[in-house]
Amino acid sequence: MLTYSEAVESVREQILPRWDDADGEFHVSSSGFEDDEAFMVPWGAREWLVDGDRSFMLLSGSMTFVDKETYEVADRFAVEMLDRVDKMTAVDVTQVDEDAPIPE
């Protein structure tokens, strides 16, 4: 079954090629959320996710989920997923796999 560190890498592989550098430095969070079916993997500009610079916040209105069985990466409307995310458990690369590199 898919680990969070593998989900992070899948998101990076699918999103990075279409990332616009004008939006900041691409970053996938080492922390996310999980339930029995999927991981929710936050990504965006490092300037926003790490440094807190709101001018780099993306207002796409979507969340990215990675299915644990199929490895499918899919964006879902955030408004439709809030109840699901509220029930998810926080997860971090270092909690799942201590030897996994923390994403840059």
Protein backbone atom coordinates (compact mmCIF):
# COMPACT_ATOMS: atom_id res chain seq x y z
CA MET A 1 0.00 0.00 0.00
CA LEU A 2 1.13 3.56 -0.71
CA THR A 3 3.06 5.45 1.98
CA TYR A 4 2.84 9.18 2.57
CA SER A 5 6.40 9.69 1.30
CA GLU A 6 5.42 7.91 -1.95
CA ALA A 7 2.29 10.08 -2.18
CA VAL A 8 4.45 13.19 -1.81
CA GLU A 9 6.69 12.02 -4.65
CA SER A 10 3.68 11.21 -6.86
CA VAL A 11 2.29 14.71 -6.35
CA ARG A 12 5.69 16.23 -7.11
CA GLU A 13 6.01 14.19 -10.33
CA GLN A 14 2.54 15.18 -11.57
CA ILE A 15 2.35 18.84 -10.50
CA LEU A 16 5.92 20.11 -10.95
CA PRO A 17 5.94 19.87 -14.79
CA ARG A 18 3.00 22.28 -14.99
CA TRP A 19 4.15 24.59 -12.18
CA ASP A 20 4.71 28.23 -13.17
CA ASP A 21 7.91 29.54 -11.55
CA ALA A 22 6.27 32.97 -11.38
CA ASP A 23 4.09 31.48 -8.60
CA GLY A 24 7.17 30.91 -6.40
CA GLU A 25 9.34 27.90 -5.62
CA PHE A 26 7.35 24.66 -5.92
CA HIS A 27 6.98 22.82 -2.60
CA VAL A 28 5.16 19.67 -1.44
CA SER A 29 4.53 19.57 2.29
CA SER A 30 6.10 16.81 4.36
CA SER A 31 2.91 16.94 6.47
CA GLY A 32 -0.56 16.04 5.26
CA PHE A 33 -3.61 13.98 6.18
CA GLU A 34 -4.83 10.44 5.64
CA ASP A 35 -7.82 8.18 5.93
CA ASP A 36 -8.22 4.52 4.98
CA GLU A 37 -8.49 5.34 1.27
CA ALA A 38 -6.18 8.26 0.51
CA PHE A 39 -3.66 10.88 1.51
CA MET A 40 -4.39 14.60 1.20
CA VAL A 41 -1.09 16.19 0.15
CA PRO A 42 -0.68 19.98 0.46
CA TRP A 43 1.48 21.66 -2.17
CA GLY A 44 2.11 25.14 -3.47
CA ALA A 45 4.69 27.90 -3.22
CA ARG A 46 7.38 27.37 -0.61
CA GLU A 47 7.14 31.08 0.14
CA TRP A 48 3.57 30.50 1.37
CA LEU A 49 3.71 26.98 2.86
CA VAL A 50 7.02 27.37 4.69
CA ASP A 51 7.59 31.10 5.06
CA GLY A 52 3.95 32.22 5.43
CA ASP A 53 4.09 34.91 2.72
CA ARG A 54 0.41 35.32 1.79
CA SER A 55 1.24 36.97 -1.52
CA PHE A 56 2.21 33.47 -2.76
CA MET A 57 -1.01 31.76 -1.57
CA LEU A 58 -2.82 29.95 -4.40
CA LEU A 59 -6.59 30.32 -4.34
CA SER A 60 -7.45 27.37 -6.55
CA GLY A 61 -10.13 26.02 -4.22
CA SER A 62 -8.89 22.46 -4.61
CA MET A 63 -7.14 19.81 -2.54
CA THR A 64 -4.94 17.04 -3.89
CA PHE A 65 -5.61 13.44 -2.89
CA VAL A 66 -3.57 10.33 -3.68
CA ASP A 67 -5.45 7.02 -3.62
CA LYS A 68 -3.60 4.46 -1.48
CA GLU A 69 -4.44 1.50 -3.73
CA THR A 70 -4.38 2.92 -7.25
CA TYR A 71 -1.82 5.73 -6.63
CA GLU A 72 -4.12 8.06 -8.61
CA VAL A 73 -3.42 11.74 -7.97
CA ALA A 74 -6.63 13.77 -8.15
CA ASP A 75 -7.66 17.32 -7.36
CA ARG A 76 -11.01 17.73 -5.62
CA PHE A 77 -12.99 20.87 -4.79
CA ALA A 78 -12.07 21.84 -1.23
CA VAL A 79 -15.64 22.77 -0.28
CA GLU A 80 -16.82 19.25 -1.14
CA MET A 81 -13.99 17.62 0.84
CA LEU A 82 -14.00 19.57 4.12
CA ASP A 83 -15.99 16.97 6.07
CA ARG A 84 -13.70 14.21 4.85
CA VAL A 85 -10.54 16.12 5.75
CA ASP A 86 -11.94 16.92 9.21
CA LYS A 87 -12.09 13.16 9.85
CA MET A 88 -8.58 12.47 8.52
CA THR A 89 -5.51 11.89 10.66
CA ALA A 90 -2.42 14.09 10.42
CA VAL A 91 0.59 12.35 8.90
CA ASP A 92 4.19 13.37 8.30
CA VAL A 93 6.95 11.83 6.20
CA THR A 94 9.12 11.45 9.30
CA GLN A 95 6.32 9.61 11.16
CA VAL A 96 5.76 7.16 8.31
CA ASP A 97 9.32 6.49 7.21
CA GLU A 98 12.18 7.81 9.31
CA ASP A 99 14.64 7.16 6.48
CA ALA A 100 12.59 9.02 3.86
CA PRO A 101 14.01 12.36 2.72
CA ILE A 102 11.94 15.35 3.69
CA PRO A 103 10.70 17.06 0.50
CA GLU A 104 12.28 20.36 -0.42
